PDB file of N, CA and C in Angstrom:
ATOM      1  N   UNK A   1       0.821  -1.185   0.000  1.00  0.00           N
ATOM      2  CA  UNK A   1       0.000   0.000   0.000  1.00  0.00           C
ATOM      3  C   UNK A   1       0.864   1.247   0.000  1.00  0.00           C
ATOM      4  N   UNK A   2       1.869   1.292   0.813  1.00  0.00           N
ATOM      5  CA  UNK A   2       2.761   2.448   0.859  1.00  0.00           C
ATOM      6  C   UNK A   2       4.192   1.986   0.766  1.00  0.00           C
ATOM      7  N   UNK A   3       5.113   2.925   0.682  1.00  0.00           N
ATOM      8  CA  UNK A   3       6.519   2.578   0.549  1.00  0.00           C
ATOM      9  C   UNK A   3       7.385   3.642   1.193  1.00  0.00           C
ATOM     10  N   UNK A   4       8.523   3.235   1.690  1.00  0.00           N
ATOM     11  CA  UNK A   4       9.485   4.190   2.229  1.00  0.00           C
ATOM     12  C   UNK A   4      10.762   4.160   1.402  1.00  0.00           C
ATOM     13  N   UNK A   5      10.704   3.612   0.193  1.00  0.00           N
ATOM     14  CA  UNK A   5      11.872   3.558  -0.679  1.00  0.00           C
ATOM     15  C   UNK A   5      12.195   4.938  -1.216  1.00  0.00           C
ATOM     16  N   UNK A   6      13.469   5.180  -1.460  1.00  0.00           N
ATOM     17  CA  UNK A   6      13.919   6.474  -1.986  1.00  0.00           C
ATOM     18  C   UNK A   6      13.902   6.486  -3.507  1.00  0.00           C
ATOM     19  N   UNK A   7      13.030   5.697  -4.103  1.00  0.00           N
ATOM     20  CA  UNK A   7      12.949   5.637  -5.561  1.00  0.00           C
ATOM     21  C   UNK A   7      11.740   6.415  -6.051  1.00  0.00           C
ATOM     22  N   UNK A   8      11.686   6.592  -7.357  1.00  0.00           N
ATOM     23  CA  UNK A   8      10.556   7.281  -7.982  1.00  0.00           C
ATOM     24  C   UNK A   8       9.266   6.504  -7.730  1.00  0.00           C
ATOM     25  N   UNK A   9       8.199   7.225  -7.461  1.00  0.00           N
ATOM     26  CA  UNK A   9       6.892   6.598  -7.238  1.00  0.00           C
ATOM     27  C   UNK A   9       6.384   6.048  -8.564  1.00  0.00           C
ATOM     28  N   UNK A  10       6.091   4.758  -8.612  1.00  0.00           N
ATOM     29  CA  UNK A  10       5.739   4.110  -9.867  1.00  0.00           C
ATOM     30  C   UNK A  10       4.311   3.587  -9.906  1.00  0.00           C
ATOM     31  N   UNK A  11       3.376   4.290  -9.290  1.00  0.00           N
ATOM     32  CA  UNK A  11       1.996   3.898  -9.468  1.00  0.00           C
ATOM     33  C   UNK A  11       1.222   3.552  -8.221  1.00  0.00           C
ATOM     34  N   UNK A  12       1.823   3.673  -7.064  1.00  0.00           N
ATOM     35  CA  UNK A  12       1.098   3.342  -5.843  1.00  0.00           C
ATOM     36  C   UNK A  12       1.215   4.489  -4.849  1.00  0.00           C
ATOM     37  N   UNK A  13       0.268   4.595  -3.925  1.00  0.00           N
ATOM     38  CA  UNK A  13       0.296   5.680  -2.936  1.00  0.00           C
ATOM     39  C   UNK A  13       1.457   5.523  -1.951  1.00  0.00           C
ATOM     40  N   UNK A  14       2.004   6.646  -1.526  1.00  0.00           N
ATOM     41  CA  UNK A  14       3.012   6.675  -0.473  1.00  0.00           C
ATOM     42  C   UNK A  14       2.409   7.441   0.698  1.00  0.00           C
ATOM     43  N   UNK A  15       2.374   6.793   1.859  1.00  0.00           N
ATOM     44  CA  UNK A  15       1.753   7.388   3.037  1.00  0.00           C
ATOM     45  C   UNK A  15       2.810   7.940   3.979  1.00  0.00           C
ATOM     46  N   UNK A  16       2.546   9.137   4.528  1.00  0.00           N
ATOM     47  CA  UNK A  16       3.425   9.738   5.523  1.00  0.00           C
ATOM     48  C   UNK A  16       3.178   9.142   6.896  1.00  0.00           C
ATOM     49  N   UNK A  17       3.693   9.811   7.898  1.00  0.00           N
ATOM     50  CA  UNK A  17       3.530   9.377   9.288  1.00  0.00           C
ATOM     51  C   UNK A  17       2.193   9.869   9.843  1.00  0.00           C
ATOM     52  N   UNK A  18       1.599   9.076  10.742  1.00  0.00           N
ATOM     53  CA  UNK A  18       0.372   9.458  11.442  1.00  0.00           C
ATOM     54  C   UNK A  18      -0.780   9.744  10.475  1.00  0.00           C
ATOM     55  N   UNK A  19      -1.035   8.794   9.577  1.00  0.00           N
ATOM     56  CA  UNK A  19      -2.119   8.915   8.597  1.00  0.00           C
ATOM     57  C   UNK A  19      -3.245   7.979   9.009  1.00  0.00           C
ATOM     58  N   UNK A  20      -4.463   8.507   9.064  1.00  0.00           N
ATOM     59  CA  UNK A  20      -5.645   7.709   9.372  1.00  0.00           C
ATOM     60  C   UNK A  20      -6.465   7.598   8.095  1.00  0.00           C
ATOM     61  N   UNK A  21      -6.720   6.363   7.649  1.00  0.00           N
ATOM     62  CA  UNK A  21      -7.511   6.127   6.442  1.00  0.00           C
ATOM     63  C   UNK A  21      -8.838   5.524   6.873  1.00  0.00           C
ATOM     64  N   UNK A  22      -9.933   6.233   6.591  1.00  0.00           N
ATOM     65  CA  UNK A  22     -11.256   5.777   6.977  1.00  0.00           C
ATOM     66  C   UNK A  22     -11.709   4.558   6.190  1.00  0.00           C
ATOM     67  N   UNK A  23     -12.689   3.861   6.731  1.00  0.00           N
ATOM     68  CA  UNK A  23     -13.228   2.652   6.110  1.00  0.00           C
ATOM     69  C   UNK A  23     -13.734   2.938   4.705  1.00  0.00           C
ATOM     70  N   UNK A  24     -13.366   2.094   3.762  1.00  0.00           N
ATOM     71  CA  UNK A  24     -13.853   2.198   2.398  1.00  0.00           C
ATOM     72  C   UNK A  24     -13.167   3.251   1.552  1.00  0.00           C
ATOM     73  N   UNK A  25     -12.203   3.962   2.106  1.00  0.00           N
ATOM     74  CA  UNK A  25     -11.501   4.996   1.334  1.00  0.00           C
ATOM     75  C   UNK A  25     -10.625   4.344   0.272  1.00  0.00           C
ATOM     76  N   UNK A  26     -10.467   5.049  -0.845  1.00  0.00           N
ATOM     77  CA  UNK A  26      -9.637   4.559  -1.941  1.00  0.00           C
ATOM     78  C   UNK A  26      -8.555   5.587  -2.248  1.00  0.00           C
ATOM     79  N   UNK A  27      -7.308   5.126  -2.290  1.00  0.00           N
ATOM     80  CA  UNK A  27      -6.164   5.963  -2.629  1.00  0.00           C
ATOM     81  C   UNK A  27      -5.648   5.437  -3.958  1.00  0.00           C
ATOM     82  N   UNK A  28      -5.793   6.224  -5.014  1.00  0.00           N
ATOM     83  CA  UNK A  28      -5.546   5.724  -6.360  1.00  0.00           C
ATOM     84  C   UNK A  28      -4.354   6.392  -7.026  1.00  0.00           C
ATOM     85  N   UNK A  29      -3.470   5.574  -7.575  1.00  0.00           N
ATOM     86  CA  UNK A  29      -2.376   6.081  -8.386  1.00  0.00           C
ATOM     87  C   UNK A  29      -1.146   6.489  -7.605  1.00  0.00           C
ATOM     88  N   UNK A  30      -0.210   7.112  -8.310  1.00  0.00           N
ATOM     89  CA  UNK A  30       1.073   7.512  -7.702  1.00  0.00           C
ATOM     90  C   UNK A  30       0.946   8.819  -6.936  1.00  0.00           C
ATOM     91  N   UNK A  31       0.278   8.774  -5.801  1.00  0.00           N
ATOM     92  CA  UNK A  31       0.042   9.987  -5.008  1.00  0.00           C
ATOM     93  C   UNK A  31       0.818   9.914  -3.704  1.00  0.00           C
ATOM     94  N   UNK A  32       1.027  11.074  -3.099  1.00  0.00           N
ATOM     95  CA  UNK A  32       1.709  11.155  -1.806  1.00  0.00           C
ATOM     96  C   UNK A  32       0.742  11.725  -0.781  1.00  0.00           C
ATOM     97  N   UNK A  33       0.607  11.024   0.323  1.00  0.00           N
ATOM     98  CA  UNK A  33      -0.223  11.468   1.431  1.00  0.00           C
ATOM     99  C   UNK A  33       0.734  11.964   2.515  1.00  0.00           C
ATOM    100  N   UNK A  34       0.582  13.223   2.918  1.00  0.00           N
ATOM    101  CA  UNK A  34       1.499  13.844   3.874  1.00  0.00           C
ATOM    102  C   UNK A  34       1.360  13.311   5.288  1.00  0.00           C
ATOM    103  N   UNK A  35       2.098  13.907   6.181  1.00  0.00           N
ATOM    104  CA  UNK A  35       2.070  13.549   7.599  1.00  0.00           C
ATOM    105  C   UNK A  35       0.853  14.170   8.287  1.00  0.00           C
ATOM    106  N   UNK A  36       0.341  13.483   9.307  1.00  0.00           N
ATOM    107  CA  UNK A  36      -0.785  13.984  10.115  1.00  0.00           C
ATOM    108  C   UNK A  36      -2.023  14.265   9.268  1.00  0.00           C
ATOM    109  N   UNK A  37      -2.368  13.317   8.421  1.00  0.00           N
ATOM    110  CA  UNK A  37      -3.500  13.456   7.497  1.00  0.00           C
ATOM    111  C   UNK A  37      -4.611  12.501   7.912  1.00  0.00           C
ATOM    112  N   UNK A  38      -5.849  12.943   7.725  1.00  0.00           N
ATOM    113  CA  UNK A  38      -7.022  12.092   7.920  1.00  0.00           C
ATOM    114  C   UNK A  38      -7.718  11.967   6.574  1.00  0.00           C
ATOM    115  N   UNK A  39      -7.952  10.732   6.138  1.00  0.00           N
ATOM    116  CA  UNK A  39      -8.722  10.455   4.926  1.00  0.00           C
ATOM    117  C   UNK A  39     -10.087   9.971   5.394  1.00  0.00           C
ATOM    118  N   UNK A  40     -11.144  10.673   5.009  1.00  0.00           N
ATOM    119  CA  UNK A  40     -12.485  10.325   5.452  1.00  0.00           C
ATOM    120  C   UNK A  40     -12.981   9.007   4.882  1.00  0.00           C
ATOM    121  N   UNK A  41     -13.946   8.410   5.561  1.00  0.00           N
ATOM    122  CA  UNK A  41     -14.551   7.162   5.105  1.00  0.00           C
ATOM    123  C   UNK A  41     -15.132   7.342   3.708  1.00  0.00           C
ATOM    124  N   UNK A  42     -14.883   6.376   2.840  1.00  0.00           N
ATOM    125  CA  UNK A  42     -15.382   6.328   1.463  1.00  0.00           C
ATOM    126  C   UNK A  42     -14.839   7.431   0.560  1.00  0.00           C
ATOM    127  N   UNK A  43     -13.836   8.175   1.004  1.00  0.00           N
ATOM    128  CA  UNK A  43     -13.226   9.197   0.147  1.00  0.00           C
ATOM    129  C   UNK A  43     -12.480   8.519  -1.000  1.00  0.00           C
ATOM    130  N   UNK A  44     -12.414   9.203  -2.134  1.00  0.00           N
ATOM    131  CA  UNK A  44     -11.627   8.734  -3.274  1.00  0.00           C
ATOM    132  C   UNK A  44     -10.551   9.781  -3.525  1.00  0.00           C
ATOM    133  N   UNK A  45      -9.312   9.434  -3.170  1.00  0.00           N
ATOM    134  CA  UNK A  45      -8.192  10.373  -3.258  1.00  0.00           C
ATOM    135  C   UNK A  45      -7.408  10.085  -4.530  1.00  0.00           C
ATOM    136  N   UNK A  46      -7.338  11.095  -5.426  1.00  0.00           N
ATOM    137  CA  UNK A  46      -6.625  10.921  -6.692  1.00  0.00           C
ATOM    138  C   UNK A  46      -5.487  11.928  -6.860  1.00  0.00           C
ATOM    139  N   UNK A  47      -5.331  12.830  -5.884  1.00  0.00           N
ATOM    140  CA  UNK A  47      -4.260  13.828  -5.916  1.00  0.00           C
ATOM    141  C   UNK A  47      -3.495  13.796  -4.602  1.00  0.00           C
ATOM    142  N   UNK A  48      -2.289  14.377  -4.611  1.00  0.00           N
ATOM    143  CA  UNK A  48      -1.487  14.468  -3.394  1.00  0.00           C
ATOM    144  C   UNK A  48      -2.251  15.209  -2.302  1.00  0.00           C
ATOM    145  N   UNK A  49      -2.013  14.809  -1.057  1.00  0.00           N
ATOM    146  CA  UNK A  49      -2.599  15.484   0.097  1.00  0.00           C
ATOM    147  C   UNK A  49      -1.442  16.026   0.937  1.00  0.00           C
ATOM    148  N   UNK A  50      -1.384  17.345   1.161  1.00  0.00           N
ATOM    149  CA  UNK A  50      -0.279  17.913   1.945  1.00  0.00           C
ATOM    150  C   UNK A  50      -0.388  17.574   3.435  1.00  0.00           C
ATOM    151  N   UNK A  51       0.680  17.859   4.167  1.00  0.00           N
ATOM    152  CA  UNK A  51       0.707  17.632   5.617  1.00  0.00           C
ATOM    153  C   UNK A  51      -0.429  18.380   6.317  1.00  0.00           C
ATOM    154  N   UNK A  52      -0.886  17.810   7.430  1.00  0.00           N
ATOM    155  CA  UNK A  52      -1.848  18.460   8.331  1.00  0.00           C
ATOM    156  C   UNK A  52      -3.156  18.850   7.652  1.00  0.00           C
ATOM    157  N   UNK A  53      -3.721  17.924   6.882  1.00  0.00           N
ATOM    158  CA  UNK A  53      -4.986  18.179   6.180  1.00  0.00           C
ATOM    159  C   UNK A  53      -5.943  17.017   6.385  1.00  0.00           C
ATOM    160  N   UNK A  54      -7.175  17.262   5.977  1.00  0.00           N
ATOM    161  CA  UNK A  54      -8.208  16.235   5.952  1.00  0.00           C
ATOM    162  C   UNK A  54      -8.697  16.148   4.512  1.00  0.00           C
ATOM    163  N   UNK A  55      -8.887  14.926   4.010  1.00  0.00           N
ATOM    164  CA  UNK A  55      -9.394  14.721   2.656  1.00  0.00           C
ATOM    165  C   UNK A  55     -10.721  13.969   2.757  1.00  0.00           C
ATOM    166  N   UNK A  56     -11.788  14.563   2.199  1.00  0.00           N
ATOM    167  CA  UNK A  56     -13.114  13.944   2.263  1.00  0.00           C
ATOM    168  C   UNK A  56     -13.834  14.117   0.937  1.00  0.00           C
ATOM    169  N   UNK A  57     -14.699  13.170   0.617  1.00  0.00           N
ATOM    170  CA  UNK A  57     -15.560  13.301  -0.549  1.00  0.00           C
ATOM    171  C   UNK A  57     -15.121  12.474  -1.741  1.00  0.00           C
ATOM    172  N   UNK A  58     -15.946  12.562  -2.801  1.00  0.00           N
ATOM    173  CA  UNK A  58     -15.694  11.853  -4.054  1.00  0.00           C
ATOM    174  C   UNK A  58     -15.855  12.840  -5.195  1.00  0.00           C
ATOM    175  N   UNK A  59     -14.772  13.227  -5.856  1.00  0.00           N
ATOM    176  CA  UNK A  59     -13.381  12.991  -5.462  1.00  0.00           C
ATOM    177  C   UNK A  59     -13.048  13.800  -4.216  1.00  0.00           C
ATOM    178  N   UNK A  60     -11.995  13.401  -3.531  1.00  0.00           N
ATOM    179  CA  UNK A  60     -11.650  14.025  -2.244  1.00  0.00           C
ATOM    180  C   UNK A  60     -11.297  15.497  -2.396  1.00  0.00           C
ATOM    181  N   UNK A  61     -11.804  16.296  -1.476  1.00  0.00           N
ATOM    182  CA  UNK A  61     -11.433  17.708  -1.364  1.00  0.00           C
ATOM    183  C   UNK A  61     -10.535  17.837  -0.142  1.00  0.00           C
ATOM    184  N   UNK A  62      -9.555  18.738  -0.245  1.00  0.00           N
ATOM    185  CA  UNK A  62      -8.573  18.920   0.814  1.00  0.00           C
ATOM    186  C   UNK A  62      -9.014  20.056   1.732  1.00  0.00           C
ATOM    187  N   UNK A  63      -9.041  19.791   3.030  1.00  0.00           N
ATOM    188  CA  UNK A  63      -9.398  20.801   4.029  1.00  0.00           C
ATOM    189  C   UNK A  63      -8.219  20.926   4.991  1.00  0.00           C
ATOM    190  N   UNK A  64      -7.564  22.089   5.043  1.00  0.00           N
ATOM    191  CA  UNK A  64      -6.487  22.268   6.034  1.00  0.00           C
ATOM    192  C   UNK A  64      -7.056  22.165   7.450  1.00  0.00           C
ATOM    193  N   UNK A  65      -6.374  21.472   8.340  1.00  0.00           N
ATOM    194  CA  UNK A  65      -6.864  21.302   9.711  1.00  0.00           C
ATOM    195  C   UNK A  65      -7.003  22.629  10.439  1.00  0.00           C
ATOM    196  N   UNK A  66      -6.206  23.645  10.093  1.00  0.00           N
ATOM    197  CA  UNK A  66      -6.298  24.928  10.791  1.00  0.00           C
ATOM    198  C   UNK A  66      -7.560  25.702  10.423  1.00  0.00           C
ATOM    199  N   UNK A  67      -8.327  25.271   9.419  1.00  0.00           N
ATOM    200  CA  UNK A  67      -9.571  25.938   9.034  1.00  0.00           C
ATOM    201  C   UNK A  67     -10.802  25.324   9.701  1.00  0.00           C
ATOM    202  N   UNK A  68     -10.631  24.301  10.508  1.00  0.00           N
ATOM    203  CA  UNK A  68     -11.786  23.607  11.080  1.00  0.00           C
ATOM    204  C   UNK A  68     -12.513  24.433  12.130  1.00  0.00           C
ATOM    205  N   UNK A  69     -11.835  25.303  12.847  1.00  0.00           N
ATOM    206  CA  UNK A  69     -12.473  26.076  13.899  1.00  0.00           C
ATOM    207  C   UNK A  69     -13.094  27.368  13.417  1.00  0.00           C
ATOM    208  N   UNK A  70     -12.956  27.718  12.151  1.00  0.00           N
ATOM    209  CA  UNK A  70     -13.467  28.993  11.626  1.00  0.00           C
ATOM    210  C   UNK A  70     -14.939  28.932  11.288  1.00  0.00           C
TER     211      UNK A  70
END
């Protein structure tokens, strides 16, 4: 599912540290999921997700965690 190799990403997701993937979520293609990320249940992630964000929806939309209290 993920890799810590220092090689070029060749078609599979690479997960950072402290990543929570909700039930039924799909991570598709050569994408990078940053550190401290939450992927919502049933989300379909097709693009990179930066550090400290939440990804939800189909296709997934990125929500920075610092915007949750606004």
